[in-house]
């Protein structure tokens, strides 16, 4: 048998370490564990696993209590904390639950109850430890479907989750719903409604901050309770209950999109439309156009939906709305409608917005026509947009490409946009080639344009240096 190379015999492998023997390795691990907390806990956990479910149960319980009483940790330590916590959770579910589901349920419940205290040790945003706690809550809900406690016990636990000050259990009602059942959800809802009524009345206009710190805390609690109550209403398919929660808030806080979404899902299109038409709840910062279209379609009012799509396109040159409009037209009617849309864009009040729409659609023939007919309206158009337009037009519409490039260069010079000097100089050189390929008596010659540009904008010199180096490379 050939001898192994010396380096292979000293490599850090399982086989080589096995040659040291268990006693030697154990001594080494004990020595290292005295100075390494994470290693020490990992070894204790392995020993507990090897000793059986009862010992593992006690170890997890003790370790959770220790973690809940610990100090705050930094970001790096938070990752290690989350990793350890998830390992404890997996031990409970994989090693204890298959043999003793009732004991596992008690252990995981203890884990969840200590969760908020443990989470507070980690720095914001606490995503990793938050994910561990969410997984533990889901595990508990699954265990309770196997070994259900008394219904009132589950309801009391759900209420405690909802009342946690630091909002440690978002979505808890949905997770616990299978264990709670309809009766449990209704019991939890009744208690949370009572807790909401006990809070101080919301200040006029919903400005909790103007009423002092206690009122701010009350506002936070009210918002959290409403969210849990809304979750329960959704689980019970109680649309009217959800709407009642929303209506109890100041008008500025009413989430009309959430209300319409639920009414539409419940097949109550007329009610949804009434909410959309109620001007008291309009918020110009929140668009409901997509929902109005969905409601009209659900009510079979397709002509009204099409009229609304066209109106929105006419008003804002909305590309998405035009595509949607054309998609809903009968066969062979879309060509004429698209032509009408391009004509509307050509006459749109803002030449810049028209250029952006036509370029993105794209309709290069219409872009060329726009540049040709409204070139004197592009003074405020971003030069980089005009540069892109010139590049897009150069093959099929060289004359209009020259116009766009010259407008872009003029804009760059007038505004002193140094970050565009190189692109503008290249465009100016390219426009000379295009002008020679398709001379236009209505255009001034390239030489005349450059001379006029030099006279009007002799500075910045850096632009002209770039232009001259591209135009006359042998001279540079």
Protein backbone atom coordinates (compact mmCIF):
# COMPACT_ATOMS: atom_id res chain seq x y z
CA UNK A 1 0.00 0.00 0.00
CA UNK A 2 1.60 3.33 -1.06
CA UNK A 3 2.42 5.76 1.70
CA UNK A 4 0.37 8.95 1.92
CA UNK A 5 2.23 12.22 1.38
CA UNK A 6 3.07 14.02 4.62
CA UNK A 7 0.71 16.88 3.84
CA UNK A 8 -2.22 14.49 3.27
CA UNK A 9 -1.63 12.87 6.66
CA UNK A 10 -1.82 16.24 8.44
CA UNK A 11 -4.78 17.66 6.51
CA UNK A 12 -7.82 18.62 8.58
CA UNK A 13 -10.14 15.75 7.65
CA UNK A 14 -12.54 13.54 9.60
CA UNK A 15 -10.36 10.50 8.94
CA UNK A 16 -7.20 12.17 10.23
CA UNK A 17 -8.94 13.55 13.32
CA UNK A 18 -10.30 10.07 14.03
CA UNK A 19 -6.71 8.87 14.34
CA UNK A 20 -6.32 11.07 17.43
CA UNK A 21 -8.90 9.02 19.33
CA UNK A 22 -12.04 10.09 21.18
CA UNK A 23 -10.36 10.92 24.54
CA UNK A 24 -7.84 13.27 22.93
CA UNK A 25 -10.52 15.03 20.87
CA UNK A 26 -12.78 15.34 23.93
CA UNK A 27 -9.98 17.03 25.91
CA UNK A 28 -9.35 19.41 23.03
CA UNK A 29 -13.04 20.33 22.74
CA UNK A 30 -13.38 20.88 26.49
CA UNK A 31 -10.35 23.15 26.47
CA UNK A 32 -11.69 25.20 23.56
CA UNK A 33 -15.23 25.33 25.02
CA UNK A 34 -13.91 27.12 28.12
CA UNK A 35 -13.18 30.14 25.93
CA UNK A 36 -15.89 29.81 23.25
CA UNK A 37 -19.49 30.25 24.42
CA UNK A 38 -21.02 29.17 21.10
CA UNK A 39 -18.95 25.98 21.02
CA UNK A 40 -19.83 25.24 24.64
CA UNK A 41 -23.56 25.57 23.96
CA UNK A 42 -23.29 23.47 20.79
CA UNK A 43 -21.59 20.69 22.78
CA UNK A 44 -24.17 20.86 25.59
CA UNK A 45 -26.93 20.65 22.99
CA UNK A 46 -25.34 17.59 21.36
CA UNK A 47 -24.99 15.90 24.73
CA UNK A 48 -28.66 16.62 25.50
CA UNK A 49 -29.69 15.16 22.14
CA UNK A 50 -27.71 12.02 22.85
CA UNK A 51 -29.20 11.67 26.36
CA UNK A 52 -32.79 11.43 25.08
CA UNK A 53 -35.96 13.48 24.66
CA UNK A 54 -36.43 14.32 28.36
CA UNK A 55 -32.92 15.68 28.74
CA UNK A 56 -33.20 17.59 25.47
CA UNK A 57 -36.54 19.07 26.60
CA UNK A 58 -34.98 20.32 29.85
CA UNK A 59 -31.94 21.71 28.05
CA UNK A 60 -34.06 23.67 25.54
CA UNK A 61 -36.22 25.05 28.35
CA UNK A 62 -33.19 26.19 30.38
CA UNK A 63 -31.48 27.66 27.35
CA UNK A 64 -34.56 29.67 26.32
CA UNK A 65 -34.79 31.19 29.81
CA UNK A 66 -31.10 32.11 29.68
CA UNK A 67 -31.48 33.69 26.24
CA UNK A 68 -34.52 35.71 27.36
CA UNK A 69 -32.54 37.17 30.28
CA UNK A 70 -29.43 37.99 28.26
CA UNK A 71 -28.08 41.39 27.28
CA UNK A 72 -28.61 43.18 23.97
CA UNK A 73 -26.40 41.95 21.14
CA UNK A 74 -24.86 43.53 18.05
CA UNK A 75 -25.61 42.68 14.41
CA UNK A 76 -23.01 39.92 14.12
CA UNK A 77 -24.10 38.31 17.38
CA UNK A 78 -27.76 38.59 16.29
CA UNK A 79 -27.04 36.22 13.40
CA UNK A 80 -25.52 33.66 15.78
CA UNK A 81 -28.48 34.14 18.15
CA UNK A 82 -31.00 33.50 15.38
CA UNK A 83 -29.06 30.42 14.26
CA UNK A 84 -29.05 28.98 17.80
CA UNK A 85 -32.75 29.73 18.31
CA UNK A 86 -33.69 28.04 15.07
CA UNK A 87 -31.63 25.01 16.08
CA UNK A 88 -33.55 24.78 19.37
CA UNK A 89 -36.84 25.05 17.48
CA UNK A 90 -35.85 22.27 15.08
CA UNK A 91 -34.75 20.06 17.97
CA UNK A 92 -38.17 20.48 19.58
CA UNK A 93 -40.03 19.68 16.36
CA UNK A 94 -37.78 16.96 14.95
CA UNK A 95 -36.61 15.12 18.08
CA UNK A 96 -39.35 15.65 20.69
CA UNK A 97 -42.60 16.22 18.74
CA UNK A 98 -42.65 12.84 16.94
CA UNK A 99 -42.36 11.01 20.29
CA UNK A 100 -44.08 13.36 22.76
CA UNK A 101 -46.25 15.87 20.83
CA UNK A 102 -47.91 17.17 24.00
CA UNK A 103 -44.55 17.88 25.66
CA UNK A 104 -43.32 19.47 22.43
CA UNK A 105 -46.40 21.71 22.30
CA UNK A 106 -45.73 22.93 25.85
CA UNK A 107 -42.08 23.55 25.03
CA UNK A 108 -42.77 25.42 21.79
CA UNK A 109 -45.45 27.48 23.55
CA UNK A 110 -42.87 28.48 26.15
CA UNK A 111 -40.54 29.36 23.27
CA UNK A 112 -43.20 31.60 21.70
CA UNK A 113 -44.05 33.26 25.02
CA UNK A 114 -40.38 34.10 25.65
CA UNK A 115 -39.98 35.22 22.02
CA UNK A 116 -40.71 38.94 22.49
CA UNK A 117 -38.13 39.23 25.30
CA UNK A 118 -35.54 37.41 23.18
CA UNK A 119 -36.30 39.49 20.09
CA UNK A 120 -35.71 42.71 22.02
CA UNK A 121 -32.07 41.66 22.49
CA UNK A 122 -31.39 41.96 18.76
CA UNK A 123 -30.85 45.30 16.99
CA UNK A 124 -33.46 46.52 14.47
CA UNK A 125 -34.74 45.45 11.99
CA UNK A 126 -34.65 42.02 13.75
CA UNK A 127 -35.61 40.14 10.60
CA UNK A 128 -33.73 36.94 11.46
CA UNK A 129 -35.03 36.50 15.01
CA UNK A 130 -38.46 37.64 13.82
CA UNK A 131 -38.45 34.84 11.24
CA UNK A 132 -37.55 32.34 13.99
CA UNK A 133 -40.47 33.47 16.15
CA UNK A 134 -42.90 33.33 13.22
CA UNK A 135 -41.75 29.77 12.46
CA UNK A 136 -42.16 28.79 16.13
CA UNK A 137 -45.72 30.16 16.18
CA UNK A 138 -46.55 28.18 13.03
CA UNK A 139 -45.08 25.05 14.65
CA UNK A 140 -47.23 25.58 17.73
CA UNK A 141 -50.37 25.95 15.62
CA UNK A 142 -49.57 22.65 13.86
CA UNK A 143 -48.96 20.86 17.17
CA UNK A 144 -52.25 22.16 18.55
CA UNK A 145 -54.13 20.58 15.67
CA UNK A 146 -52.65 17.23 16.83
CA UNK A 147 -53.01 17.73 20.60
CA UNK A 148 -55.56 20.53 21.01
CA UNK A 149 -55.85 22.25 24.39
CA UNK A 150 -59.13 23.71 25.64
CA UNK A 151 -60.62 26.24 23.14
CA UNK A 152 -60.58 29.04 25.72
CA UNK A 153 -56.86 28.40 26.32
CA UNK A 154 -56.07 28.85 22.61
CA UNK A 155 -58.23 31.99 22.50
CA UNK A 156 -56.45 33.45 25.54
CA UNK A 157 -53.09 32.74 23.92
CA UNK A 158 -54.18 34.43 20.67
CA UNK A 159 -55.34 37.47 22.62
CA UNK A 160 -51.97 37.68 24.38
CA UNK A 161 -50.25 37.61 20.98
CA UNK A 162 -52.45 40.44 19.71
CA UNK A 163 -51.78 42.59 22.79
CA UNK A 164 -47.98 42.34 22.63
CA UNK A 165 -46.64 45.91 22.81
CA UNK A 166 -43.81 45.44 20.32
CA UNK A 167 -46.04 43.80 17.67
CA UNK A 168 -44.01 40.59 17.80
CA UNK A 169 -46.74 38.50 16.16
CA UNK A 170 -47.97 40.08 12.91
CA UNK A 171 -50.37 37.74 11.15
CA UNK A 172 -50.87 35.68 14.32
CA UNK A 173 -54.63 35.28 13.78
CA UNK A 174 -54.11 33.70 10.36
CA UNK A 175 -51.49 31.31 11.74
CA UNK A 176 -53.64 30.30 14.71
CA UNK A 177 -56.94 30.16 12.79
CA UNK A 178 -56.87 26.35 12.20
CA UNK A 179 -56.46 25.77 15.94
CA UNK A 180 -58.93 28.50 16.93
CA UNK A 181 -61.76 27.56 14.59
CA UNK A 182 -64.71 29.86 13.91
CA UNK A 183 -65.83 29.95 17.54
CA UNK A 184 -62.35 30.80 18.78
CA UNK A 185 -61.93 33.58 16.23
CA UNK A 186 -65.24 35.11 17.27
CA UNK A 187 -64.25 34.95 20.94
CA UNK A 188 -60.92 36.63 20.23
CA UNK A 189 -62.67 39.30 18.16
CA UNK A 190 -65.09 40.11 20.97
CA UNK A 191 -62.23 40.62 23.43
CA UNK A 192 -60.14 42.72 21.05
CA UNK A 193 -63.14 44.94 20.25
CA UNK A 194 -63.59 45.54 23.96
CA UNK A 195 -59.88 46.39 24.34
CA UNK A 196 -60.17 48.82 21.44
CA UNK A 197 -63.13 50.59 23.06
CA UNK A 198 -61.18 50.96 26.31
CA UNK A 199 -58.49 53.05 24.60
CA UNK A 200 -58.68 56.87 24.73
CA UNK A 201 -60.74 58.50 22.00
CA UNK A 202 -58.74 59.42 18.92
CA UNK A 203 -58.01 63.17 18.65
CA UNK A 204 -59.77 65.17 15.94
CA UNK A 205 -58.15 64.60 12.57
CA UNK A 206 -56.41 61.48 13.83
CA UNK A 207 -53.35 63.44 15.05
CA UNK A 208 -52.28 61.28 17.99
CA UNK A 209 -48.88 62.97 18.17
CA UNK A 210 -50.44 66.33 19.08
CA UNK A 211 -51.94 64.84 22.26
CA UNK A 212 -48.69 63.78 23.94
CA UNK A 213 -46.69 60.57 24.37
CA UNK A 214 -49.41 58.49 26.11
CA UNK A 215 -51.77 59.26 23.25
CA UNK A 216 -49.13 58.19 20.73
CA UNK A 217 -48.87 54.83 22.50
CA UNK A 218 -52.66 54.56 22.51
CA UNK A 219 -52.71 55.29 18.78
CA UNK A 220 -50.15 52.56 18.15
CA UNK A 221 -52.18 50.07 20.18
CA UNK A 222 -55.38 51.06 18.38
CA UNK A 223 -53.73 50.58 14.99
CA UNK A 224 -52.40 47.16 16.02
CA UNK A 225 -55.78 46.03 17.37
CA UNK A 226 -57.55 47.18 14.21
CA UNK A 227 -55.09 45.22 12.11
CA UNK A 228 -55.72 42.01 14.08
CA UNK A 229 -59.49 42.62 13.97
CA UNK A 230 -59.31 43.17 10.23
CA UNK A 231 -57.40 39.91 9.89
CA UNK A 232 -60.12 38.09 11.84
CA UNK A 233 -62.84 39.67 9.69
CA UNK A 234 -61.07 38.36 6.59
CA UNK A 235 -60.75 34.88 8.10
CA UNK A 236 -64.49 34.88 8.85
CA UNK A 237 -65.31 36.31 5.37
CA UNK A 238 -67.03 39.18 7.17
CA UNK A 239 -66.72 42.03 4.68
CA UNK A 240 -69.17 44.26 6.54
CA UNK A 241 -67.23 43.70 9.75
CA UNK A 242 -64.05 44.81 7.99
CA UNK A 243 -65.80 47.89 6.59
CA UNK A 244 -67.13 48.80 10.04
CA UNK A 245 -63.54 48.79 11.35
CA UNK A 246 -62.42 51.11 8.57
CA UNK A 247 -65.36 53.48 8.99
CA UNK A 248 -64.63 53.83 12.70
CA UNK A 249 -61.41 55.68 11.80
CA UNK A 250 -61.08 59.32 10.71
CA UNK A 251 -61.92 59.63 7.00
CA UNK A 252 -58.33 60.39 6.07
CA UNK A 253 -57.28 56.98 7.40
CA UNK A 254 -59.98 54.89 5.71
CA UNK A 255 -58.33 52.42 3.32
CA UNK A 256 -60.76 52.56 0.42
CA UNK A 257 -58.64 50.21 -1.70
CA UNK A 258 -58.85 47.50 0.97
CA UNK A 259 -62.64 47.92 1.21
CA UNK A 260 -63.19 47.79 -2.56
CA UNK A 261 -60.88 44.78 -2.89
CA UNK A 262 -62.96 42.81 -0.38
CA UNK A 263 -66.31 43.87 -1.85
CA UNK A 264 -65.16 42.90 -5.32
CA UNK A 265 -63.93 39.51 -4.08
CA UNK A 266 -67.34 38.96 -2.42
CA UNK A 267 -69.15 39.69 -5.71
CA UNK A 268 -70.60 42.97 -4.43
CA UNK A 269 -69.68 45.16 -7.38
CA UNK A 270 -72.44 47.75 -6.87
CA UNK A 271 -71.36 48.31 -3.26
CA UNK A 272 -67.75 48.61 -4.39
CA UNK A 273 -68.73 51.21 -6.99
CA UNK A 274 -70.65 53.20 -4.37
CA UNK A 275 -67.51 53.40 -2.27
CA UNK A 276 -65.44 54.51 -5.25
CA UNK A 277 -68.02 57.19 -6.06
CA UNK A 278 -68.15 58.49 -2.47
CA UNK A 279 -66.10 61.68 -2.62
CA UNK A 280 -65.67 61.80 1.15
CA UNK A 281 -63.03 59.08 1.01
CA UNK A 282 -61.06 60.21 -2.04
CA UNK A 283 -57.31 60.59 -1.64
CA UNK A 284 -55.47 62.08 -4.59
CA UNK A 285 -52.28 60.28 -3.53
CA UNK A 286 -53.90 56.84 -3.80
CA UNK A 287 -55.13 55.75 -7.22
CA UNK A 288 -58.21 53.56 -7.46
CA UNK A 289 -58.42 53.57 -11.26
CA UNK A 290 -57.48 49.90 -11.62
CA UNK A 291 -60.15 48.95 -9.09
CA UNK A 292 -62.82 51.04 -10.80
CA UNK A 293 -62.05 49.27 -14.07
CA UNK A 294 -62.22 45.87 -12.36
CA UNK A 295 -65.58 46.77 -10.79
CA UNK A 296 -67.03 47.99 -14.10
CA UNK A 297 -65.88 44.79 -15.81
CA UNK A 298 -67.40 42.67 -13.03
CA UNK A 299 -70.74 44.46 -13.52
CA UNK A 300 -70.66 43.86 -17.27
CA UNK A 301 -70.24 47.59 -18.01
CA UNK A 302 -67.49 47.08 -20.56
CA UNK A 303 -68.29 50.18 -22.60
CA UNK A 304 -67.92 52.33 -19.48
CA UNK A 305 -64.62 50.60 -18.70
CA UNK A 306 -63.34 51.26 -22.22
CA UNK A 307 -64.42 54.90 -22.05
CA UNK A 308 -62.51 55.27 -18.78
CA UNK A 309 -59.38 53.68 -20.25
CA UNK A 310 -59.46 56.03 -23.24
CA UNK A 311 -60.11 59.04 -21.00
CA UNK A 312 -57.10 58.15 -18.85
CA UNK A 313 -54.93 57.75 -21.94
CA UNK A 314 -56.09 61.08 -23.38
CA UNK A 315 -55.37 62.85 -20.11
CA UNK A 316 -51.93 61.43 -19.31
CA UNK A 317 -50.71 59.53 -22.40
CA UNK A 318 -50.83 56.43 -20.21
CA UNK A 319 -49.18 53.65 -22.22
CA UNK A 320 -50.50 50.85 -20.02
CA UNK A 321 -54.04 52.17 -20.27
CA UNK A 322 -53.84 52.40 -24.07
CA UNK A 323 -52.56 48.83 -24.34
CA UNK A 324 -55.42 47.70 -22.10
CA UNK A 325 -57.89 49.66 -24.22
CA UNK A 326 -56.66 48.10 -27.47
CA UNK A 327 -56.67 44.62 -25.93
CA UNK A 328 -60.39 44.93 -25.12
CA UNK A 329 -61.40 46.05 -28.63
CA UNK A 330 -63.09 43.69 -31.10
CA UNK A 331 -60.90 42.02 -33.73
CA UNK A 332 -59.56 44.33 -36.47
CA UNK A 333 -60.71 47.48 -34.62
CA UNK A 334 -57.38 48.06 -32.90
CA UNK A 335 -55.49 49.44 -35.94
CA UNK A 336 -57.77 52.43 -36.39
CA UNK A 337 -57.86 53.06 -32.63
CA UNK A 338 -54.08 52.97 -32.41
CA UNK A 339 -53.81 55.46 -35.25
CA UNK A 340 -56.25 57.75 -33.45
CA UNK A 341 -54.14 57.42 -30.29
CA UNK A 342 -50.95 58.38 -32.15
CA UNK A 343 -52.68 61.44 -33.62
CA UNK A 344 -53.79 62.45 -30.14
CA UNK A 345 -50.22 62.08 -28.86
CA UNK A 346 -48.88 64.21 -31.72
CA UNK A 347 -51.22 67.03 -30.68
CA UNK A 348 -50.69 66.60 -26.92
CA UNK A 349 -50.17 69.80 -24.95
CA UNK A 350 -46.62 68.86 -23.89
CA UNK A 351 -44.24 68.03 -26.72
CA UNK A 352 -41.83 66.46 -24.24
CA UNK A 353 -44.47 64.07 -22.86
CA UNK A 354 -45.58 63.27 -26.40
CA UNK A 355 -41.99 62.47 -27.37
CA UNK A 356 -41.56 60.19 -24.34
CA UNK A 357 -44.78 58.33 -25.14
CA UNK A 358 -44.18 57.90 -28.87
CA UNK A 359 -40.59 56.77 -28.35
CA UNK A 360 -41.59 54.22 -25.72
CA UNK A 361 -44.62 52.90 -27.65
CA UNK A 362 -42.68 52.85 -30.11
CA UNK A 363 -43.86 54.62 -33.28
CA UNK A 364 -40.79 56.08 -34.96
CA UNK A 365 -42.74 57.53 -37.88
CA UNK A 366 -44.80 59.57 -35.43
CA UNK A 367 -41.66 60.50 -33.49
CA UNK A 368 -40.14 61.87 -36.70
CA UNK A 369 -43.31 63.80 -37.47
CA UNK A 370 -43.37 65.26 -33.96
CA UNK A 371 -39.75 66.41 -34.22
CA UNK A 372 -40.41 67.86 -37.66
CA UNK A 373 -43.59 69.75 -36.76
CA UNK A 374 -42.87 70.84 -33.16
CA UNK A 375 -39.09 71.25 -32.99
CA UNK A 376 -39.47 74.73 -31.47
CA UNK A 377 -41.19 73.23 -28.38
CA UNK A 378 -38.29 71.10 -27.14
CA UNK A 379 -36.38 73.79 -25.25
CA UNK A 380 -37.28 72.24 -21.88
CA UNK A 381 -36.87 68.63 -23.02
CA UNK A 382 -34.02 66.78 -21.26
CA UNK A 383 -31.05 66.63 -23.66
CA UNK A 384 -30.43 62.95 -22.94
CA UNK A 385 -33.97 62.19 -24.16
CA UNK A 386 -33.27 64.10 -27.38
CA UNK A 387 -29.97 62.26 -27.81
CA UNK A 388 -31.80 58.94 -27.53
CA UNK A 389 -34.41 60.19 -30.01
CA UNK A 390 -31.74 61.13 -32.53
CA UNK A 391 -30.12 57.72 -32.18
CA UNK A 392 -33.49 55.97 -32.68
CA UNK A 393 -34.31 58.00 -35.82
CA UNK A 394 -30.95 57.95 -37.58
CA UNK A 395 -31.61 54.92 -39.83
CA UNK A 396 -35.18 55.62 -41.04
CA UNK A 397 -35.45 59.39 -40.56
CA UNK A 398 -31.97 60.95 -40.83
CA UNK A 399 -33.18 64.56 -41.26
CA UNK A 400 -35.29 64.44 -38.11
CA UNK A 401 -32.41 62.67 -36.35
CA UNK A 402 -30.19 65.65 -37.20
CA UNK A 403 -32.80 68.02 -35.75
CA UNK A 404 -33.05 66.01 -32.52
CA UNK A 405 -29.26 65.78 -32.17
CA UNK A 406 -28.78 69.51 -32.72
CA UNK A 407 -31.50 70.30 -30.18
CA UNK A 408 -29.80 67.97 -27.71
CA UNK A 409 -26.36 69.54 -28.22
CA UNK A 410 -27.81 73.04 -27.84
CA UNK A 411 -29.51 71.99 -24.60
CA UNK A 412 -26.31 70.48 -23.22
CA UNK A 413 -24.34 73.64 -24.01
CA UNK A 414 -27.00 76.00 -22.69
CA UNK A 415 -27.26 74.11 -19.38
CA UNK A 416 -23.58 73.25 -19.05
CA UNK A 417 -24.25 69.53 -18.54
CA UNK A 418 -20.66 68.32 -18.36
CA UNK A 419 -21.65 64.68 -17.81
CA UNK A 420 -23.17 64.71 -21.31
CA UNK A 421 -20.32 66.51 -23.12
CA UNK A 422 -18.85 63.34 -24.62
CA UNK A 423 -22.21 62.01 -25.85
CA UNK A 424 -23.21 65.41 -27.20
CA UNK A 425 -19.91 65.85 -29.04
CA UNK A 426 -20.28 62.41 -30.63
CA UNK A 427 -23.87 63.24 -31.61
CA UNK A 428 -22.69 66.48 -33.23
CA UNK A 429 -20.12 64.57 -35.28
CA UNK A 430 -22.73 61.93 -36.23
CA UNK A 431 -25.18 64.64 -37.28
CA UNK A 432 -22.63 65.88 -39.82
CA UNK A 433 -22.56 62.43 -41.45
CA UNK A 434 -26.36 62.23 -41.45
CA UNK A 435 -26.68 65.73 -42.89
CA UNK A 436 -24.37 64.83 -45.78
CA UNK A 437 -26.31 61.61 -46.45
CA UNK A 438 -29.66 63.41 -46.71
CA UNK A 439 -29.12 67.14 -47.30
CA UNK A 440 -32.15 69.31 -46.53
CA UNK A 441 -32.45 72.83 -47.94
CA UNK A 442 -34.52 73.83 -44.91
CA UNK A 443 -31.68 72.83 -42.54
CA UNK A 444 -28.64 75.03 -42.12
CA UNK A 445 -25.45 73.21 -43.05
CA UNK A 446 -23.45 71.39 -40.43
CA UNK A 447 -20.61 73.90 -40.71
CA UNK A 448 -22.99 76.83 -40.27
CA UNK A 449 -24.61 75.20 -37.23
CA UNK A 450 -21.24 74.46 -35.58
CA UNK A 451 -19.98 78.00 -36.26
CA UNK A 452 -23.13 79.48 -34.74
CA UNK A 453 -22.84 77.14 -31.75
CA UNK A 454 -19.19 78.14 -31.20
CA UNK A 455 -20.14 81.80 -31.34
CA UNK A 456 -23.10 81.42 -28.97
CA UNK A 457 -21.38 79.00 -26.56
CA UNK A 458 -17.60 79.47 -26.79
CA UNK A 459 -17.35 77.94 -23.37
CA UNK A 460 -16.98 75.35 -21.97
CA UNK A 461 -13.70 74.67 -23.71
CA UNK A 462 -13.74 71.01 -22.61
CA UNK A 463 -16.72 70.30 -24.87
CA UNK A 464 -15.00 71.82 -27.89
CA UNK A 465 -11.81 69.92 -27.09
CA UNK A 466 -13.76 66.65 -27.12
CA UNK A 467 -15.58 67.60 -30.33
CA UNK A 468 -12.37 68.62 -32.11
CA UNK A 469 -10.57 65.45 -31.01
CA UNK A 470 -13.38 63.33 -32.52
CA UNK A 471 -13.75 65.44 -35.67
CA UNK A 472 -10.02 65.84 -36.34
CA UNK A 473 -8.33 62.87 -34.63
CA UNK A 474 -5.02 63.35 -36.46
CA UNK A 475 -4.73 66.90 -35.11
CA UNK A 476 -5.13 65.87 -31.46
